[in-house]
């Protein structure tokens, strides 16, 4: 007797057993973006010379401003981590650029940073 089916998977005898991974893959866009963001941050933290500073700066850089809600400021983070306020600001900026995040409302705009930079250059020249 010859089977009309060329492949066992084409027969009614083929079975499908549900697996939990079938419910989570493929990842939806929001989950995929979150996973990508976490992966980027872990790499940033791993490559950091000062992981504590990087973590503190992330909290200040998030659009929610969670670091500020906890009562921290760039000056306080700088003091705790043994760096300058400028180093904290630079790290925060690097984080949002690396992760593709919008800046925290507590962070200076590009034009405000340029103005502050120009003032500091003039002060050093005096």
N, C-alpha and C. Protein backbone atom coordinates (compact mmCIF):
# COMPACT_ATOMS: atom_id res chain seq x y z
N UNK A 1 0.83 -1.17 0.00
CA UNK A 1 0.00 0.00 0.00
C UNK A 1 0.88 1.24 0.00
N UNK A 2 0.64 2.10 -0.93
CA UNK A 2 1.42 3.32 -1.08
C UNK A 2 0.68 4.48 -0.45
N UNK A 3 1.40 5.27 0.32
CA UNK A 3 0.79 6.42 0.99
C UNK A 3 0.68 7.58 0.01
N UNK A 4 -0.46 8.29 0.01
CA UNK A 4 -0.58 9.44 -0.88
C UNK A 4 0.21 10.65 -0.37
N UNK A 5 0.78 10.53 0.84
CA UNK A 5 1.52 11.65 1.43
C UNK A 5 3.02 11.42 1.28
N UNK A 6 3.74 12.45 0.88
CA UNK A 6 5.18 12.34 0.72
C UNK A 6 5.92 12.63 2.02
N UNK A 7 5.26 13.33 2.92
CA UNK A 7 5.90 13.75 4.16
C UNK A 7 4.98 13.42 5.32
N UNK A 8 5.53 12.88 6.39
CA UNK A 8 4.71 12.52 7.55
C UNK A 8 4.02 13.72 8.15
N UNK A 9 4.63 14.90 8.02
CA UNK A 9 4.03 16.12 8.58
C UNK A 9 2.76 16.51 7.84
N UNK A 10 2.57 15.98 6.65
CA UNK A 10 1.37 16.29 5.88
C UNK A 10 0.21 15.37 6.23
N UNK A 11 0.43 14.39 7.06
CA UNK A 11 -0.64 13.45 7.42
C UNK A 11 -1.41 13.95 8.62
N UNK A 12 -2.57 13.36 8.83
CA UNK A 12 -3.37 13.68 10.01
C UNK A 12 -2.68 13.19 11.27
N UNK A 13 -1.73 12.29 11.12
CA UNK A 13 -1.02 11.75 12.27
C UNK A 13 0.00 12.74 12.84
N UNK A 14 0.36 13.76 12.03
CA UNK A 14 1.31 14.76 12.53
C UNK A 14 0.66 15.49 13.70
N UNK A 15 1.42 15.71 14.74
CA UNK A 15 0.84 16.36 15.91
C UNK A 15 1.55 17.67 16.19
N UNK A 16 0.86 18.50 16.91
CA UNK A 16 1.42 19.77 17.34
C UNK A 16 1.28 19.84 18.85
N UNK A 17 2.38 20.05 19.48
CA UNK A 17 2.36 20.19 20.92
C UNK A 17 2.68 21.65 21.25
N UNK A 18 1.75 22.31 21.91
CA UNK A 18 1.93 23.72 22.25
C UNK A 18 3.09 23.88 23.23
N UNK A 19 3.91 24.90 22.99
CA UNK A 19 5.03 25.21 23.87
C UNK A 19 4.90 26.67 24.29
N UNK A 20 5.22 27.01 25.53
CA UNK A 20 5.07 28.40 26.01
C UNK A 20 5.81 29.43 25.16
N UNK A 21 6.92 29.05 24.56
CA UNK A 21 7.66 30.00 23.73
C UNK A 21 6.83 30.46 22.53
N UNK A 22 5.86 29.65 22.10
CA UNK A 22 5.00 30.03 20.99
C UNK A 22 4.19 31.28 21.32
N UNK A 23 3.98 31.54 22.60
CA UNK A 23 3.19 32.69 23.02
C UNK A 23 4.00 33.98 23.10
N UNK A 24 5.32 33.89 23.12
CA UNK A 24 6.13 35.10 23.27
C UNK A 24 6.96 35.45 22.05
N UNK A 25 7.00 34.60 21.09
CA UNK A 25 7.78 34.90 19.89
C UNK A 25 6.86 34.95 18.68
N UNK A 26 7.07 35.80 17.75
CA UNK A 26 8.08 36.84 17.77
C UNK A 26 7.70 37.95 18.76
N UNK A 27 8.71 38.64 19.26
CA UNK A 27 8.48 39.71 20.21
C UNK A 27 7.75 40.87 19.53
N UNK A 28 6.84 41.48 20.25
CA UNK A 28 6.19 42.66 19.68
C UNK A 28 7.21 43.80 19.66
N UNK A 29 6.92 44.84 18.93
CA UNK A 29 7.88 45.92 18.72
C UNK A 29 8.28 46.59 20.03
N UNK A 30 7.33 46.82 20.92
CA UNK A 30 7.63 47.49 22.19
C UNK A 30 8.58 46.65 23.04
N UNK A 31 8.31 45.36 23.13
CA UNK A 31 9.17 44.46 23.90
C UNK A 31 10.55 44.37 23.27
N UNK A 32 10.59 44.30 21.96
CA UNK A 32 11.85 44.22 21.25
C UNK A 32 12.68 45.48 21.48
N UNK A 33 12.03 46.65 21.45
CA UNK A 33 12.73 47.91 21.69
C UNK A 33 13.26 47.98 23.11
N UNK A 34 12.46 47.53 24.07
CA UNK A 34 12.89 47.53 25.47
C UNK A 34 14.08 46.59 25.66
N UNK A 35 14.02 45.43 25.05
CA UNK A 35 15.12 44.47 25.16
C UNK A 35 16.39 45.04 24.54
N UNK A 36 16.26 45.71 23.43
CA UNK A 36 17.41 46.33 22.76
C UNK A 36 18.00 47.44 23.64
N UNK A 37 17.15 48.22 24.26
CA UNK A 37 17.59 49.30 25.14
C UNK A 37 18.35 48.73 26.35
N UNK A 38 17.81 47.69 26.94
CA UNK A 38 18.47 47.06 28.09
C UNK A 38 19.82 46.48 27.67
N UNK A 39 19.85 45.85 26.51
CA UNK A 39 21.10 45.27 26.02
C UNK A 39 22.16 46.35 25.81
N UNK A 40 21.76 47.48 25.22
CA UNK A 40 22.69 48.60 25.01
C UNK A 40 23.21 49.13 26.34
N UNK A 41 22.31 49.24 27.33
CA UNK A 41 22.72 49.77 28.62
C UNK A 41 23.67 48.82 29.34
N UNK A 42 23.39 47.53 29.27
CA UNK A 42 24.28 46.55 29.91
C UNK A 42 25.67 46.64 29.29
N UNK A 43 25.75 46.78 27.98
CA UNK A 43 27.05 46.91 27.32
C UNK A 43 27.73 48.20 27.75
N UNK A 44 26.97 49.29 27.82
CA UNK A 44 27.51 50.58 28.26
C UNK A 44 28.06 50.47 29.68
N UNK A 45 27.32 49.82 30.55
CA UNK A 45 27.73 49.63 31.94
C UNK A 45 28.96 48.74 32.03
N UNK A 46 28.99 47.68 31.23
CA UNK A 46 30.10 46.75 31.24
C UNK A 46 31.39 47.41 30.75
N UNK A 47 31.28 48.32 29.79
CA UNK A 47 32.46 48.98 29.22
C UNK A 47 32.88 50.21 30.01
N UNK A 48 32.08 50.59 30.99
CA UNK A 48 32.33 51.81 31.75
C UNK A 48 33.52 51.65 32.70
N UNK A 49 34.31 52.72 32.81
CA UNK A 49 35.41 52.73 33.76
C UNK A 49 34.88 52.98 35.17
N UNK A 50 33.71 53.59 35.26
CA UNK A 50 33.10 53.90 36.55
C UNK A 50 31.62 53.51 36.49
N UNK A 51 31.30 52.22 36.67
CA UNK A 51 29.91 51.75 36.55
C UNK A 51 28.94 52.46 37.51
N UNK A 52 29.42 52.80 38.70
CA UNK A 52 28.53 53.50 39.65
C UNK A 52 28.12 54.85 39.08
N UNK A 53 29.07 55.58 38.50
CA UNK A 53 28.76 56.86 37.88
C UNK A 53 27.79 56.67 36.72
N UNK A 54 28.03 55.66 35.91
CA UNK A 54 27.15 55.40 34.77
C UNK A 54 25.72 55.13 35.22
N UNK A 55 25.56 54.33 36.26
CA UNK A 55 24.23 54.02 36.78
C UNK A 55 23.56 55.26 37.36
N UNK A 56 24.31 56.05 38.12
CA UNK A 56 23.75 57.28 38.69
C UNK A 56 23.35 58.26 37.58
N UNK A 57 24.17 58.33 36.54
CA UNK A 57 23.86 59.22 35.42
C UNK A 57 22.64 58.75 34.63
N UNK A 58 22.47 57.44 34.52
CA UNK A 58 21.28 56.93 33.85
C UNK A 58 20.03 57.40 34.58
N UNK A 59 20.06 57.32 35.90
CA UNK A 59 18.90 57.75 36.69
C UNK A 59 18.61 59.23 36.47
N UNK A 60 19.66 60.05 36.30
CA UNK A 60 19.45 61.47 36.04
C UNK A 60 18.99 61.72 34.61
N UNK A 61 19.42 60.86 33.68
CA UNK A 61 19.16 61.06 32.26
C UNK A 61 17.79 60.62 31.78
N UNK A 62 17.17 59.72 32.52
CA UNK A 62 15.87 59.20 32.07
C UNK A 62 14.85 60.32 31.99
N UNK A 63 13.99 60.27 30.97
CA UNK A 63 12.97 61.31 30.83
C UNK A 63 12.10 61.49 32.08
N UNK A 64 11.94 60.43 32.86
CA UNK A 64 11.15 60.53 34.09
C UNK A 64 11.88 61.35 35.15
N UNK A 65 13.20 61.49 35.01
CA UNK A 65 13.98 62.23 35.99
C UNK A 65 14.01 61.55 37.35
N UNK A 66 14.02 60.22 37.36
CA UNK A 66 13.95 59.47 38.62
C UNK A 66 15.06 59.86 39.59
N UNK A 67 16.24 60.16 39.07
CA UNK A 67 17.35 60.57 39.93
C UNK A 67 17.03 61.85 40.68
N UNK A 68 16.38 62.77 39.98
CA UNK A 68 16.01 64.04 40.62
C UNK A 68 14.88 63.84 41.62
N UNK A 69 13.97 62.91 41.30
CA UNK A 69 12.87 62.62 42.23
C UNK A 69 13.41 62.01 43.53
N UNK A 70 14.54 61.32 43.44
CA UNK A 70 15.16 60.75 44.62
C UNK A 70 15.95 61.80 45.41
N UNK A 71 16.01 63.01 44.87
CA UNK A 71 16.71 64.08 45.56
C UNK A 71 18.15 64.26 45.13
N UNK A 72 18.57 63.59 44.06
CA UNK A 72 19.94 63.74 43.58
C UNK A 72 20.03 64.87 42.57
N UNK A 73 21.21 65.43 42.47
CA UNK A 73 21.50 66.42 41.43
C UNK A 73 22.83 66.02 40.81
N UNK A 74 23.18 66.67 39.71
CA UNK A 74 24.46 66.35 39.07
C UNK A 74 25.61 66.66 40.02
N UNK A 75 25.48 67.73 40.78
CA UNK A 75 26.54 68.10 41.74
C UNK A 75 26.68 67.03 42.82
N UNK A 76 25.56 66.52 43.32
CA UNK A 76 25.61 65.49 44.35
C UNK A 76 26.19 64.18 43.82
N UNK A 77 25.78 63.80 42.60
CA UNK A 77 26.33 62.59 41.98
C UNK A 77 27.83 62.75 41.78
N UNK A 78 28.25 63.93 41.33
CA UNK A 78 29.68 64.19 41.12
C UNK A 78 30.45 64.01 42.43
N UNK A 79 29.91 64.57 43.49
CA UNK A 79 30.58 64.47 44.79
C UNK A 79 30.66 63.01 45.26
N UNK A 80 29.55 62.27 45.15
CA UNK A 80 29.53 60.86 45.58
C UNK A 80 30.49 60.00 44.77
N UNK A 81 30.62 60.31 43.47
CA UNK A 81 31.44 59.47 42.59
C UNK A 81 32.87 59.98 42.43
N UNK A 82 33.18 61.12 43.04
CA UNK A 82 34.53 61.65 42.99
C UNK A 82 34.93 62.21 41.63
N UNK A 83 33.97 62.83 40.94
CA UNK A 83 34.24 63.44 39.64
C UNK A 83 33.66 64.86 39.65
N UNK A 84 33.88 65.59 38.56
CA UNK A 84 33.33 66.95 38.47
C UNK A 84 31.90 66.91 37.97
N UNK A 85 31.19 68.01 38.18
CA UNK A 85 29.82 68.12 37.68
C UNK A 85 29.83 68.04 36.14
N UNK A 86 30.86 68.60 35.53
CA UNK A 86 30.98 68.54 34.07
C UNK A 86 31.10 67.10 33.58
N UNK A 87 31.83 66.27 34.33
CA UNK A 87 31.98 64.86 33.97
C UNK A 87 30.63 64.14 34.05
N UNK A 88 29.84 64.48 35.06
CA UNK A 88 28.51 63.89 35.20
C UNK A 88 27.64 64.31 34.03
N UNK A 89 27.66 65.59 33.71
CA UNK A 89 26.86 66.10 32.59
C UNK A 89 27.25 65.41 31.29
N UNK A 90 28.55 65.28 31.08
CA UNK A 90 29.04 64.63 29.85
C UNK A 90 28.61 63.17 29.79
N UNK A 91 28.69 62.48 30.93
CA UNK A 91 28.28 61.07 30.98
C UNK A 91 26.78 60.94 30.71
N UNK A 92 25.97 61.83 31.29
CA UNK A 92 24.52 61.80 31.06
C UNK A 92 24.21 61.99 29.58
N UNK A 93 24.90 62.94 28.96
CA UNK A 93 24.69 63.20 27.54
C UNK A 93 25.09 61.99 26.70
N UNK A 94 26.21 61.38 27.05
CA UNK A 94 26.67 60.18 26.32
C UNK A 94 25.65 59.05 26.44
N UNK A 95 25.07 58.90 27.61
CA UNK A 95 24.09 57.83 27.83
C UNK A 95 22.87 58.03 26.96
N UNK A 96 22.30 59.24 26.95
CA UNK A 96 21.08 59.43 26.16
C UNK A 96 21.37 59.29 24.67
N UNK A 97 22.58 59.71 24.24
CA UNK A 97 22.93 59.56 22.83
C UNK A 97 23.15 58.09 22.48
N UNK A 98 23.83 57.36 23.35
CA UNK A 98 24.10 55.93 23.10
C UNK A 98 22.82 55.10 23.07
N UNK A 99 21.90 55.44 23.96
CA UNK A 99 20.67 54.66 24.08
C UNK A 99 19.54 55.20 23.20
N UNK A 100 19.75 56.36 22.59
CA UNK A 100 18.72 56.95 21.74
C UNK A 100 17.52 57.44 22.53
N UNK A 101 17.77 57.92 23.75
CA UNK A 101 16.69 58.41 24.61
C UNK A 101 16.55 59.92 24.50
N UNK A 102 15.35 60.42 24.73
CA UNK A 102 15.22 61.88 24.82
C UNK A 102 15.83 62.33 26.14
N UNK A 103 16.34 63.56 26.20
CA UNK A 103 16.94 64.01 27.44
C UNK A 103 15.90 64.25 28.53
N UNK A 104 16.35 64.13 29.75
CA UNK A 104 15.51 64.45 30.90
C UNK A 104 15.15 65.92 30.83
N UNK A 105 13.96 66.29 31.27
CA UNK A 105 13.60 67.72 31.28
C UNK A 105 14.53 68.53 32.19
N UNK A 106 15.26 67.85 33.07
CA UNK A 106 16.16 68.54 33.99
C UNK A 106 17.53 68.82 33.36
N UNK A 107 17.77 68.25 32.19
CA UNK A 107 19.06 68.45 31.52
C UNK A 107 19.01 69.71 30.67
N UNK A 108 20.17 70.35 30.51
CA UNK A 108 20.25 71.54 29.67
C UNK A 108 20.06 71.18 28.20
N UNK A 109 19.52 72.12 27.47
CA UNK A 109 19.38 71.94 26.02
C UNK A 109 20.75 72.14 25.38
N UNK A 110 20.85 71.81 24.10
CA UNK A 110 22.11 72.00 23.37
C UNK A 110 22.56 73.45 23.42
N UNK A 111 21.63 74.37 23.21
CA UNK A 111 21.99 75.80 23.20
C UNK A 111 22.44 76.25 24.59
N UNK A 112 21.80 75.76 25.64
CA UNK A 112 22.22 76.11 27.00
C UNK A 112 23.61 75.56 27.31
N UNK A 113 23.91 74.35 26.82
CA UNK A 113 25.24 73.78 27.03
C UNK A 113 26.30 74.59 26.30
N UNK A 114 25.99 75.03 25.08
CA UNK A 114 26.94 75.83 24.31
C UNK A 114 27.20 77.16 25.00
N UNK A 115 26.17 77.79 25.53
CA UNK A 115 26.32 79.06 26.24
C UNK A 115 27.19 78.87 27.47
N UNK A 116 26.92 77.82 28.25
CA UNK A 116 27.71 77.53 29.46
C UNK A 116 29.17 77.25 29.08
N UNK A 117 29.38 76.53 28.00
CA UNK A 117 30.74 76.22 27.54
C UNK A 117 31.48 77.51 27.18
N UNK A 118 30.82 78.41 26.47
CA UNK A 118 31.44 79.67 26.08
C UNK A 118 31.79 80.53 27.30
N UNK A 119 30.90 80.56 28.28
CA UNK A 119 31.15 81.31 29.51
C UNK A 119 32.36 80.73 30.24
N UNK A 120 32.42 79.41 30.33
CA UNK A 120 33.54 78.77 31.02
C UNK A 120 34.86 79.02 30.29
N UNK A 121 34.85 79.05 28.98
CA UNK A 121 36.06 79.31 28.21
C UNK A 121 36.53 80.74 28.49
N UNK A 122 35.59 81.69 28.52
CA UNK A 122 35.95 83.08 28.80
C UNK A 122 36.51 83.22 30.22
N UNK A 123 35.92 82.50 31.17
CA UNK A 123 36.41 82.57 32.56
C UNK A 123 37.83 82.05 32.67
N UNK A 124 38.12 80.98 31.95
CA UNK A 124 39.47 80.41 31.99
C UNK A 124 40.49 81.34 31.35
N UNK A 125 40.04 82.12 30.36
CA UNK A 125 40.95 83.02 29.65
C UNK A 125 41.32 84.23 30.50
N UNK A 126 40.50 84.53 31.49
CA UNK A 126 40.75 85.73 32.33
C UNK A 126 41.83 85.47 33.34
